[in-house]
C-alpha cells in the first residue's frame, strides 16, 4: 500500500512540475510575440529610424535581430499568456497538494 501512495505522490509532483514548465514556456512565447508586435507597430508608426536608434543606444551587436518579424496577433498572445498563467497556478496547486500529502504521511508514520 505504501508503494502505491509513493508512486501516486511522485506522479503528482512530476505532473505538477511538468505543468509549471509548460506554462512557463507558453508564457515566454506569448510575451515574445507581444514584444514583436509592439516593435512592429513602432516601426509602422515611426519608421525604422527609432528602432535603429534605440538599438544603437542599447549597444546591441546585431541590429537586425531587434527588427520585428511579424508574429501572432496581440489578442492571441494575450489569451495565451492568460491561459498559461492559469495553467501555472493549477500546476502549483497540484504540487501544494502533493507536498501536503507527503507531510501528512510523514506525520502519520512518525
Protein backbone atom coordinates (compact mmCIF):
# COMPACT_ATOMS: atom_id res chain seq x y z
CA UNK A 1 0.00 0.00 0.00
CA UNK A 2 2.82 2.41 0.82
CA UNK A 3 4.43 1.98 -2.63
CA UNK A 4 1.06 2.82 -4.22
CA UNK A 5 0.89 6.05 -2.23
CA UNK A 6 4.54 6.84 -3.00
CA UNK A 7 4.01 6.31 -6.73
CA UNK A 8 0.90 8.47 -6.72
CA UNK A 9 2.70 11.28 -4.92
CA UNK A 10 5.71 11.05 -7.23
CA UNK A 11 3.38 11.11 -10.22
CA UNK A 12 1.61 14.18 -8.82
CA UNK A 13 4.89 16.01 -8.28
CA UNK A 14 6.16 15.15 -11.77
CA UNK A 15 2.83 16.18 -13.30
CA UNK A 16 2.79 19.45 -11.37
CA UNK A 17 6.37 20.31 -12.29
CA UNK A 18 5.72 19.47 -15.94
CA UNK A 19 2.65 21.70 -15.92
CA UNK A 20 4.60 24.61 -14.43
CA UNK A 21 7.39 24.19 -17.01
CA UNK A 22 4.94 24.03 -19.92
CA UNK A 23 3.08 27.08 -18.65
CA UNK A 24 6.37 28.98 -18.27
CA UNK A 25 7.33 28.15 -21.85
CA UNK A 26 3.92 29.21 -23.12
CA UNK A 27 4.08 32.48 -21.20
CA UNK A 28 7.56 33.15 -22.60
CA UNK A 29 6.37 32.56 -26.17
CA UNK A 30 3.34 34.79 -25.70
CA UNK A 31 5.48 37.55 -24.17
CA UNK A 32 7.95 37.41 -27.07
CA UNK A 33 5.04 37.55 -29.51
CA UNK A 34 3.68 40.65 -27.77
CA UNK A 35 7.09 42.32 -27.79
CA UNK A 36 7.47 41.59 -31.51
CA UNK A 37 4.03 43.05 -32.23
CA UNK A 38 4.87 46.21 -30.27
CA UNK A 39 8.15 46.57 -32.17
CA UNK A 40 6.38 46.00 -35.48
CA UNK A 41 3.77 48.63 -34.64
CA UNK A 42 6.53 51.06 -33.64
CA UNK A 43 8.26 50.53 -36.98
CA UNK A 44 4.98 51.01 -38.85
CA UNK A 45 4.21 54.25 -36.99
CA UNK A 46 7.68 55.78 -36.62
CA UNK A 47 9.77 54.12 -39.28
CA UNK A 48 12.95 52.18 -38.74
CA UNK A 49 14.97 55.17 -37.51
CA UNK A 50 13.61 54.95 -33.96
CA UNK A 51 14.19 51.21 -33.79
CA UNK A 52 17.74 51.54 -35.11
CA UNK A 53 18.50 54.47 -32.79
CA UNK A 54 17.27 52.50 -29.78
CA UNK A 55 19.34 49.51 -30.83
CA UNK A 56 22.45 51.69 -31.06
CA UNK A 57 21.81 53.20 -27.64
CA UNK A 58 21.49 49.75 -26.11
CA UNK A 59 24.82 48.68 -27.64
CA UNK A 60 23.29 45.76 -29.50
CA UNK A 61 25.75 43.99 -31.74
CA UNK A 62 23.22 42.71 -34.21
CA UNK A 63 20.64 45.34 -35.11
CA UNK A 64 18.77 43.02 -37.44
CA UNK A 65 17.77 40.81 -34.53
CA UNK A 66 15.66 43.61 -32.99
CA UNK A 67 13.67 44.31 -36.12
CA UNK A 68 10.24 42.69 -35.92
CA UNK A 69 9.36 39.57 -37.85
CA UNK A 70 5.58 39.60 -37.80
CA UNK A 71 4.05 37.13 -35.37
CA UNK A 72 0.67 36.32 -33.95
CA UNK A 73 -1.97 38.87 -33.11
CA UNK A 74 -1.90 40.77 -29.83
CA UNK A 75 -5.20 39.17 -28.82
CA UNK A 76 -3.85 35.67 -29.44
CA UNK A 77 -0.73 36.39 -27.38
CA UNK A 78 -2.73 37.93 -24.52
CA UNK A 79 -5.09 34.94 -24.45
CA UNK A 80 -2.10 32.57 -24.50
CA UNK A 81 -0.45 34.49 -21.68
CA UNK A 82 -3.60 34.27 -19.53
CA UNK A 83 -4.13 30.60 -20.36
CA UNK A 84 -0.58 29.68 -19.42
CA UNK A 85 -0.80 31.75 -16.26
CA UNK A 86 -3.89 29.77 -15.24
CA UNK A 87 -2.09 26.52 -16.09
CA UNK A 88 0.84 27.53 -13.89
CA UNK A 89 -1.48 28.30 -10.99
CA UNK A 90 -3.27 24.96 -11.38
CA UNK A 91 0.03 23.08 -11.53
CA UNK A 92 1.31 24.77 -8.39
CA UNK A 93 -1.89 23.72 -6.60
CA UNK A 94 -1.16 20.12 -7.64
CA UNK A 95 2.33 20.48 -6.16
CA UNK A 96 0.98 22.04 -2.95
CA UNK A 97 -1.45 19.16 -2.51
CA UNK A 98 1.26 16.58 -3.17
CA UNK A 99 3.61 18.21 -0.67
CA UNK A 100 0.83 18.48 1.92
CA UNK A 101 0.06 14.79 1.41
CA UNK A 102 3.72 13.88 1.91
CA UNK A 103 3.74 15.91 5.13
CA UNK A 104 0.60 14.18 6.39
CA UNK A 105 2.02 10.75 5.62
CA UNK A 106 5.27 11.59 7.42
CA UNK A 107 3.33 12.90 10.43
CA UNK A 108 1.19 9.76 10.49
CA UNK A 109 4.15 7.38 10.25
CA UNK A 110 6.20 9.09 12.95
